[in-house]
Amino acid sequence: MPARTGGEYAESPTDNMRIVVVGDVGGRHVGDDAMFEVALARLRARWPQAEIVALSGSPEATAARFQIPAFMLPCHDCPDES
């Protein structure tokens, strides 16, 4: 592939990378939280410049515990259909 010049890309392909992690985490399931913590550590090690955000059933708790922006999972924002 030919070399790129003239600002065709950001300095690195990961400079503007956003990673969305989905999980029912934030204090209800200790094992899920532990796996989520390991996943975050590995993502940060692999792509240190990436913005990592979470979709969670407990976004406030997720944001507080993992220090990342977190948003409500769409399925948790709907009335129970059972």
PDB file of N, CA and C in Angstrom:
ATOM      1  N   MET A   1       0.842  -1.168   0.000  1.00  0.00           N
ATOM      2  CA  MET A   1       0.000   0.000   0.000  1.00  0.00           C
ATOM      3  C   MET A   1       0.891   1.235   0.000  1.00  0.00           C
ATOM      4  N   PRO A   2       0.581   2.235  -0.807  1.00  0.00           N
ATOM      5  CA  PRO A   2       1.410   3.440  -0.846  1.00  0.00           C
ATOM      6  C   PRO A   2       1.322   4.224   0.463  1.00  0.00           C
ATOM      7  N   ALA A   3       2.383   4.966   0.739  1.00  0.00           N
ATOM      8  CA  ALA A   3       2.425   5.797   1.948  1.00  0.00           C
ATOM      9  C   ALA A   3       1.379   6.895   1.853  1.00  0.00           C
ATOM     10  N   ARG A   4       0.784   7.230   2.965  1.00  0.00           N
ATOM     11  CA  ARG A   4      -0.223   8.296   3.036  1.00  0.00           C
ATOM     12  C   ARG A   4       0.425   9.565   3.559  1.00  0.00           C
ATOM     13  N   THR A   5       0.091  10.666   2.961  1.00  0.00           N
ATOM     14  CA  THR A   5       0.596  11.959   3.409  1.00  0.00           C
ATOM     15  C   THR A   5      -0.532  12.979   3.336  1.00  0.00           C
ATOM     16  N   GLY A   6      -0.295  14.135   3.899  1.00  0.00           N
ATOM     17  CA  GLY A   6      -1.252  15.229   3.755  1.00  0.00           C
ATOM     18  C   GLY A   6      -2.455  15.142   4.672  1.00  0.00           C
ATOM     19  N   GLY A   7      -2.336  14.452   5.790  1.00  0.00           N
ATOM     20  CA  GLY A   7      -3.422  14.437   6.755  1.00  0.00           C
ATOM     21  C   GLY A   7      -4.615  13.589   6.366  1.00  0.00           C
ATOM     22  N   GLU A   8      -4.412  12.578   5.521  1.00  0.00           N
ATOM     23  CA  GLU A   8      -5.528  11.734   5.121  1.00  0.00           C
ATOM     24  C   GLU A   8      -6.066  10.910   6.288  1.00  0.00           C
ATOM     25  N   TYR A   9      -5.235  10.637   7.265  1.00  0.00           N
ATOM     26  CA  TYR A   9      -5.623   9.876   8.443  1.00  0.00           C
ATOM     27  C   TYR A   9      -5.219  10.658   9.684  1.00  0.00           C
ATOM     28  N   ALA A  10      -5.778  10.284  10.814  1.00  0.00           N
ATOM     29  CA  ALA A  10      -5.271  10.806  12.076  1.00  0.00           C
ATOM     30  C   ALA A  10      -3.846  10.291  12.233  1.00  0.00           C
ATOM     31  N   GLU A  11      -3.113  10.766  13.224  1.00  0.00           N
ATOM     32  CA  GLU A  11      -1.730  10.346  13.408  1.00  0.00           C
ATOM     33  C   GLU A  11      -1.608   8.834  13.501  1.00  0.00           C
ATOM     34  N   SER A  12      -2.570   8.211  14.074  1.00  0.00           N
ATOM     35  CA  SER A  12      -2.593   6.766  14.214  1.00  0.00           C
ATOM     36  C   SER A  12      -4.023   6.308  13.958  1.00  0.00           C
ATOM     37  N   PRO A  13      -4.226   5.113  13.402  1.00  0.00           N
ATOM     38  CA  PRO A  13      -5.599   4.644  13.180  1.00  0.00           C
ATOM     39  C   PRO A  13      -6.422   4.534  14.465  1.00  0.00           C
ATOM     40  N   THR A  14      -5.756   4.455  15.614  1.00  0.00           N
ATOM     41  CA  THR A  14      -6.496   4.331  16.879  1.00  0.00           C
ATOM     42  C   THR A  14      -6.701   5.655  17.592  1.00  0.00           C
ATOM     43  N   ASP A  15      -6.237   6.767  17.024  1.00  0.00           N
ATOM     44  CA  ASP A  15      -6.371   8.055  17.695  1.00  0.00           C
ATOM     45  C   ASP A  15      -7.825   8.424  17.976  1.00  0.00           C
ATOM     46  N   ASN A  16      -8.722   8.043  17.095  1.00  0.00           N
ATOM     47  CA  ASN A  16     -10.134   8.381  17.273  1.00  0.00           C
ATOM     48  C   ASN A  16     -10.983   7.140  17.524  1.00  0.00           C
ATOM     49  N   MET A  17     -10.367   6.072  17.987  1.00  0.00           N
ATOM     50  CA  MET A  17     -11.091   4.824  18.195  1.00  0.00           C
ATOM     51  C   MET A  17     -11.985   4.918  19.426  1.00  0.00           C
ATOM     52  N   ARG A  18     -13.203   4.420  19.280  1.00  0.00           N
ATOM     53  CA  ARG A  18     -14.125   4.309  20.407  1.00  0.00           C
ATOM     54  C   ARG A  18     -14.501   2.835  20.520  1.00  0.00           C
ATOM     55  N   ILE A  19     -14.371   2.298  21.724  1.00  0.00           N
ATOM     56  CA  ILE A  19     -14.721   0.912  21.991  1.00  0.00           C
ATOM     57  C   ILE A  19     -15.923   0.903  22.913  1.00  0.00           C
ATOM     58  N   VAL A  20     -16.968   0.193  22.510  1.00  0.00           N
ATOM     59  CA  VAL A  20     -18.166   0.058  23.327  1.00  0.00           C
ATOM     60  C   VAL A  20     -18.195  -1.359  23.884  1.00  0.00           C
ATOM     61  N   VAL A  21     -18.221  -1.451  25.208  1.00  0.00           N
ATOM     62  CA  VAL A  21     -18.245  -2.742  25.888  1.00  0.00           C
ATOM     63  C   VAL A  21     -19.632  -2.919  26.489  1.00  0.00           C
ATOM     64  N   VAL A  22     -20.246  -4.064  26.223  1.00  0.00           N
ATOM     65  CA  VAL A  22     -21.592  -4.337  26.711  1.00  0.00           C
ATOM     66  C   VAL A  22     -21.516  -5.377  27.822  1.00  0.00           C
ATOM     67  N   GLY A  23     -22.143  -5.068  28.955  1.00  0.00           N
ATOM     68  CA  GLY A  23     -22.152  -6.033  30.044  1.00  0.00           C
ATOM     69  C   GLY A  23     -23.096  -5.621  31.144  1.00  0.00           C
ATOM     70  N   ASP A  24     -23.653  -6.588  31.816  1.00  0.00           N
ATOM     71  CA  ASP A  24     -24.525  -6.303  32.955  1.00  0.00           C
ATOM     72  C   ASP A  24     -23.640  -6.231  34.192  1.00  0.00           C
ATOM     73  N   VAL A  25     -22.908  -5.133  34.300  1.00  0.00           N
ATOM     74  CA  VAL A  25     -21.903  -4.968  35.343  1.00  0.00           C
ATOM     75  C   VAL A  25     -22.199  -3.729  36.170  1.00  0.00           C
ATOM     76  N   GLY A  26     -21.508  -3.621  37.291  1.00  0.00           N
ATOM     77  CA  GLY A  26     -21.685  -2.467  38.141  1.00  0.00           C
ATOM     78  C   GLY A  26     -22.053  -2.842  39.557  1.00  0.00           C
ATOM     79  N   GLY A  27     -21.733  -4.061  39.979  1.00  0.00           N
ATOM     80  CA  GLY A  27     -21.923  -4.402  41.370  1.00  0.00           C
ATOM     81  C   GLY A  27     -22.881  -5.532  41.665  1.00  0.00           C
ATOM     82  N   ARG A  28     -23.657  -5.959  40.688  1.00  0.00           N
ATOM     83  CA  ARG A  28     -24.639  -7.013  40.975  1.00  0.00           C
ATOM     84  C   ARG A  28     -24.032  -8.414  40.890  1.00  0.00           C
ATOM     85  N   HIS A  29     -23.030  -8.584  40.053  1.00  0.00           N
ATOM     86  CA  HIS A  29     -22.437  -9.897  39.846  1.00  0.00           C
ATOM     87  C   HIS A  29     -20.920  -9.766  39.958  1.00  0.00           C
ATOM     88  N   VAL A  30     -20.350 -10.266  41.033  1.00  0.00           N
ATOM     89  CA  VAL A  30     -18.925 -10.097  41.300  1.00  0.00           C
ATOM     90  C   VAL A  30     -18.082 -10.704  40.180  1.00  0.00           C
ATOM     91  N   GLY A  31     -18.447 -11.877  39.695  1.00  0.00           N
ATOM     92  CA  GLY A  31     -17.688 -12.522  38.626  1.00  0.00           C
ATOM     93  C   GLY A  31     -17.732 -11.733  37.329  1.00  0.00           C
ATOM     94  N   ASP A  32     -18.915 -11.212  36.982  1.00  0.00           N
ATOM     95  CA  ASP A  32     -19.032 -10.401  35.771  1.00  0.00           C
ATOM     96  C   ASP A  32     -18.188  -9.136  35.891  1.00  0.00           C
ATOM     97  N   ASP A  33     -18.218  -8.506  37.066  1.00  0.00           N
ATOM     98  CA  ASP A  33     -17.411  -7.304  37.290  1.00  0.00           C
ATOM     99  C   ASP A  33     -15.920  -7.612  37.166  1.00  0.00           C
ATOM    100  N   ALA A  34     -15.496  -8.756  37.681  1.00  0.00           N
ATOM    101  CA  ALA A  34     -14.082  -9.131  37.599  1.00  0.00           C
ATOM    102  C   ALA A  34     -13.658  -9.345  36.147  1.00  0.00           C
ATOM    103  N   MET A  35     -14.483 -10.036  35.367  1.00  0.00           N
ATOM    104  CA  MET A  35     -14.155 -10.247  33.956  1.00  0.00           C
ATOM    105  C   MET A  35     -14.153  -8.931  33.192  1.00  0.00           C
ATOM    106  N   PHE A  36     -15.089  -8.039  33.531  1.00  0.00           N
ATOM    107  CA  PHE A  36     -15.154  -6.733  32.891  1.00  0.00           C
ATOM    108  C   PHE A  36     -13.892  -5.929  33.202  1.00  0.00           C
ATOM    109  N   GLU A  37     -13.442  -5.989  34.442  1.00  0.00           N
ATOM    110  CA  GLU A  37     -12.229  -5.275  34.845  1.00  0.00           C
ATOM    111  C   GLU A  37     -11.009  -5.771  34.067  1.00  0.00           C
ATOM    112  N   VAL A  38     -10.891  -7.078  33.894  1.00  0.00           N
ATOM    113  CA  VAL A  38      -9.784  -7.651  33.120  1.00  0.00           C
ATOM    114  C   VAL A  38      -9.896  -7.228  31.648  1.00  0.00           C
ATOM    115  N   ALA A  39     -11.099  -7.272  31.111  1.00  0.00           N
ATOM    116  CA  ALA A  39     -11.292  -6.856  29.715  1.00  0.00           C
ATOM    117  C   ALA A  39     -10.882  -5.399  29.518  1.00  0.00           C
ATOM    118  N   LEU A  40     -11.280  -4.521  30.438  1.00  0.00           N
ATOM    119  CA  LEU A  40     -10.885  -3.114  30.345  1.00  0.00           C
ATOM    120  C   LEU A  40      -9.370  -2.954  30.394  1.00  0.00           C
ATOM    121  N   ALA A  41      -8.719  -3.673  31.287  1.00  0.00           N
ATOM    122  CA  ALA A  41      -7.257  -3.588  31.397  1.00  0.00           C
ATOM    123  C   ALA A  41      -6.592  -4.021  30.098  1.00  0.00           C
ATOM    124  N   ARG A  42      -7.090  -5.077  29.500  1.00  0.00           N
ATOM    125  CA  ARG A  42      -6.499  -5.568  28.249  1.00  0.00           C
ATOM    126  C   ARG A  42      -6.775  -4.620  27.089  1.00  0.00           C
ATOM    127  N   LEU A  43      -7.977  -4.066  27.040  1.00  0.00           N
ATOM    128  CA  LEU A  43      -8.286  -3.092  25.990  1.00  0.00           C
ATOM    129  C   LEU A  43      -7.410  -1.850  26.130  1.00  0.00           C
ATOM    130  N   ARG A  44      -7.244  -1.375  27.355  1.00  0.00           N
ATOM    131  CA  ARG A  44      -6.400  -0.192  27.589  1.00  0.00           C
ATOM    132  C   ARG A  44      -4.945  -0.466  27.247  1.00  0.00           C
ATOM    133  N   ALA A  45      -4.468  -1.670  27.532  1.00  0.00           N
ATOM    134  CA  ALA A  45      -3.085  -2.018  27.196  1.00  0.00           C
ATOM    135  C   ALA A  45      -2.897  -2.104  25.685  1.00  0.00           C
ATOM    136  N   ARG A  46      -3.892  -2.631  24.991  1.00  0.00           N
ATOM    137  CA  ARG A  46      -3.776  -2.811  23.530  1.00  0.00           C
ATOM    138  C   ARG A  46      -3.998  -1.509  22.778  1.00  0.00           C
ATOM    139  N   TRP A  47      -4.966  -0.708  23.206  1.00  0.00           N
ATOM    140  CA  TRP A  47      -5.306   0.547  22.537  1.00  0.00           C
ATOM    141  C   TRP A  47      -5.376   1.670  23.574  1.00  0.00           C
ATOM    142  N   PRO A  48      -4.239   2.159  24.053  1.00  0.00           N
ATOM    143  CA  PRO A  48      -4.238   3.137  25.145  1.00  0.00           C
ATOM    144  C   PRO A  48      -4.904   4.469  24.807  1.00  0.00           C
ATOM    145  N   GLN A  49      -4.986   4.836  23.551  1.00  0.00           N
ATOM    146  CA  GLN A  49      -5.590   6.112  23.176  1.00  0.00           C
ATOM    147  C   GLN A  49      -7.091   6.012  22.928  1.00  0.00           C
ATOM    148  N   ALA A  50      -7.634   4.800  22.906  1.00  0.00           N
ATOM    149  CA  ALA A  50      -9.050   4.612  22.586  1.00  0.00           C
ATOM    150  C   ALA A  50      -9.945   5.098  23.722  1.00  0.00           C
ATOM    151  N   GLU A  51     -11.098   5.619  23.343  1.00  0.00           N
ATOM    152  CA  GLU A  51     -12.129   5.966  24.326  1.00  0.00           C
ATOM    153  C   GLU A  51     -12.961   4.707  24.560  1.00  0.00           C
ATOM    154  N   ILE A  52     -13.108   4.308  25.804  1.00  0.00           N
ATOM    155  CA  ILE A  52     -13.882   3.115  26.139  1.00  0.00           C
ATOM    156  C   ILE A  52     -15.137   3.553  26.874  1.00  0.00           C
ATOM    157  N   VAL A  53     -16.287   3.108  26.374  1.00  0.00           N
ATOM    158  CA  VAL A  53     -17.569   3.393  27.014  1.00  0.00           C
ATOM    159  C   VAL A  53     -18.296   2.062  27.236  1.00  0.00           C
ATOM    160  N   ALA A  54     -19.252   2.066  28.158  1.00  0.00           N
ATOM    161  CA  ALA A  54     -19.974   0.841  28.480  1.00  0.00           C
ATOM    162  C   ALA A  54     -21.467   1.023  28.282  1.00  0.00           C
ATOM    163  N   LEU A  55     -22.117  -0.051  27.875  1.00  0.00           N
ATOM    164  CA  LEU A  55     -23.564  -0.177  27.933  1.00  0.00           C
ATOM    165  C   LEU A  55     -23.846  -1.156  29.057  1.00  0.00           C
ATOM    166  N   SER A  56     -24.652  -0.739  30.007  1.00  0.00           N
ATOM    167  CA  SER A  56     -24.825  -1.512  31.230  1.00  0.00           C
ATOM    168  C   SER A  56     -26.252  -1.414  31.739  1.00  0.00           C
ATOM    169  N   GLY A  57     -26.653  -2.407  32.513  1.00  0.00           N
ATOM    170  CA  GLY A  57     -27.947  -2.353  33.190  1.00  0.00           C
ATOM    171  C   GLY A  57     -27.936  -1.412  34.374  1.00  0.00           C
ATOM    172  N   SER A  58     -26.744  -1.062  34.846  1.00  0.00           N
ATOM    173  CA  SER A  58     -26.572  -0.137  35.976  1.00  0.00           C
ATOM    174  C   SER A  58     -25.504   0.894  35.611  1.00  0.00           C
ATOM    175  N   PRO A  59     -25.834   1.825  34.715  1.00  0.00           N
ATOM    176  CA  PRO A  59     -24.795   2.723  34.202  1.00  0.00           C
ATOM    177  C   PRO A  59     -24.132   3.602  35.262  1.00  0.00           C
ATOM    178  N   GLU A  60     -24.885   4.069  36.260  1.00  0.00           N
ATOM    179  CA  GLU A  60     -24.267   4.922  37.281  1.00  0.00           C
ATOM    180  C   GLU A  60     -23.234   4.132  38.077  1.00  0.00           C
ATOM    181  N   ALA A  61     -23.586   2.921  38.475  1.00  0.00           N
ATOM    182  CA  ALA A  61     -22.662   2.082  39.235  1.00  0.00           C
ATOM    183  C   ALA A  61     -21.467   1.669  38.380  1.00  0.00           C
ATOM    184  N   THR A  62     -21.714   1.383  37.112  1.00  0.00           N
ATOM    185  CA  THR A  62     -20.629   0.995  36.203  1.00  0.00           C
ATOM    186  C   THR A  62     -19.651   2.140  36.032  1.00  0.00           C
ATOM    187  N   ALA A  63     -20.157   3.346  35.806  1.00  0.00           N
ATOM    188  CA  ALA A  63     -19.288   4.514  35.635  1.00  0.00           C
ATOM    189  C   ALA A  63     -18.459   4.767  36.890  1.00  0.00           C
ATOM    190  N   ALA A  64     -19.087   4.648  38.049  1.00  0.00           N
ATOM    191  CA  ALA A  64     -18.379   4.896  39.310  1.00  0.00           C
ATOM    192  C   ALA A  64     -17.316   3.836  39.567  1.00  0.00           C
ATOM    193  N   ARG A  65     -17.657   2.587  39.353  1.00  0.00           N
ATOM    194  CA  ARG A  65     -16.722   1.502  39.662  1.00  0.00           C
ATOM    195  C   ARG A  65     -15.556   1.442  38.697  1.00  0.00           C
ATOM    196  N   PHE A  66     -15.818   1.624  37.383  1.00  0.00           N
ATOM    197  CA  PHE A  66     -14.779   1.419  36.368  1.00  0.00           C
ATOM    198  C   PHE A  66     -14.212   2.710  35.790  1.00  0.00           C
ATOM    199  N   GLN A  67     -14.735   3.851  36.232  1.00  0.00           N
ATOM    200  CA  GLN A  67     -14.230   5.158  35.798  1.00  0.00           C
ATOM    201  C   GLN A  67     -14.262   5.327  34.280  1.00  0.00           C
ATOM    202  N   ILE A  68     -15.386   4.913  33.673  1.00  0.00           N
ATOM    203  CA  ILE A  68     -15.607   5.111  32.241  1.00  0.00           C
ATOM    204  C   ILE A  68     -17.036   5.611  32.061  1.00  0.00           C
ATOM    205  N   PRO A  69     -17.309   6.312  30.953  1.00  0.00           N
ATOM    206  CA  PRO A  69     -18.695   6.688  30.679  1.00  0.00           C
ATOM    207  C   PRO A  69     -19.537   5.427  30.484  1.00  0.00           C
ATOM    208  N   ALA A  70     -20.750   5.428  31.000  1.00  0.00           N
ATOM    209  CA  ALA A  70     -21.628   4.266  30.864  1.00  0.00           C
ATOM    210  C   ALA A  70     -23.046   4.735  30.575  1.00  0.00           C
ATOM    211  N   PHE A  71     -23.732   3.959  29.756  1.00  0.00           N
ATOM    212  CA  PHE A  71     -25.085   4.286  29.324  1.00  0.00           C
ATOM    213  C   PHE A  71     -25.980   3.068  29.517  1.00  0.00           C
ATOM    214  N   MET A  72     -27.284   3.305  29.667  1.00  0.00           N
ATOM    215  CA  MET A  72     -28.242   2.237  29.903  1.00  0.00           C
ATOM    216  C   MET A  72     -28.345   1.318  28.687  1.00  0.00           C
ATOM    217  N   LEU A  73     -28.316   0.024  28.949  1.00  0.00           N
ATOM    218  CA  LEU A  73     -28.602  -0.950  27.895  1.00  0.00           C
ATOM    219  C   LEU A  73     -30.026  -0.724  27.418  1.00  0.00           C
ATOM    220  N   PRO A  74     -30.266  -0.674  26.125  1.00  0.00           N
ATOM    221  CA  PRO A  74     -31.642  -0.428  25.647  1.00  0.00           C
ATOM    222  C   PRO A  74     -32.656  -1.409  26.210  1.00  0.00           C
ATOM    223  N   CYS A  75     -32.292  -2.678  26.373  1.00  0.00           N
ATOM    224  CA  CYS A  75     -33.268  -3.660  26.867  1.00  0.00           C
ATOM    225  C   CYS A  75     -33.613  -3.442  28.333  1.00  0.00           C
ATOM    226  N   HIS A  76     -32.770  -2.723  29.084  1.00  0.00           N
ATOM    227  CA  HIS A  76     -33.046  -2.462  30.493  1.00  0.00           C
ATOM    228  C   HIS A  76     -33.862  -1.187  30.695  1.00  0.00           C
ATOM    229  N   ASP A  77     -34.071  -0.452  29.613  1.00  0.00           N
ATOM    230  CA  ASP A  77     -34.779   0.817  29.695  1.00  0.00           C
ATOM    231  C   ASP A  77     -36.257   0.668  29.324  1.00  0.00           C
ATOM    232  N   CYS A  78     -36.687  -0.553  28.999  1.00  0.00           N
ATOM    233  CA  CYS A  78     -38.058  -0.806  28.568  1.00  0.00           C
ATOM    234  C   CYS A  78     -38.852  -1.437  29.701  1.00  0.00           C
ATOM    235  N   PRO A  79     -40.158  -1.241  29.691  1.00  0.00           N
ATOM    236  CA  PRO A  79     -40.973  -1.905  30.709  1.00  0.00           C
ATOM    237  C   PRO A  79     -40.904  -3.426  30.528  1.00  0.00           C
ATOM    238  N   ASP A  80     -41.050  -4.126  31.622  1.00  0.00           N
ATOM    239  CA  ASP A  80     -41.027  -5.596  31.587  1.00  0.00           C
ATOM    240  C   ASP A  80     -42.219  -6.097  30.784  1.00  0.00           C
ATOM    241  N   GLU A  81     -41.937  -6.989  29.836  1.00  0.00           N
ATOM    242  CA  GLU A  81     -43.003  -7.501  28.983  1.00  0.00           C
ATOM    243  C   GLU A  81     -43.463  -8.886  29.404  1.00  0.00           C
ATOM    244  N   SER A  82     -43.050  -9.364  30.576  1.00  0.00           N
ATOM    245  CA  SER A  82     -43.433 -10.731  30.978  1.00  0.00           C
ATOM    246  C   SER A  82     -44.847 -10.794  31.478  1.00  0.00           C
TER     247      SER A  82
END
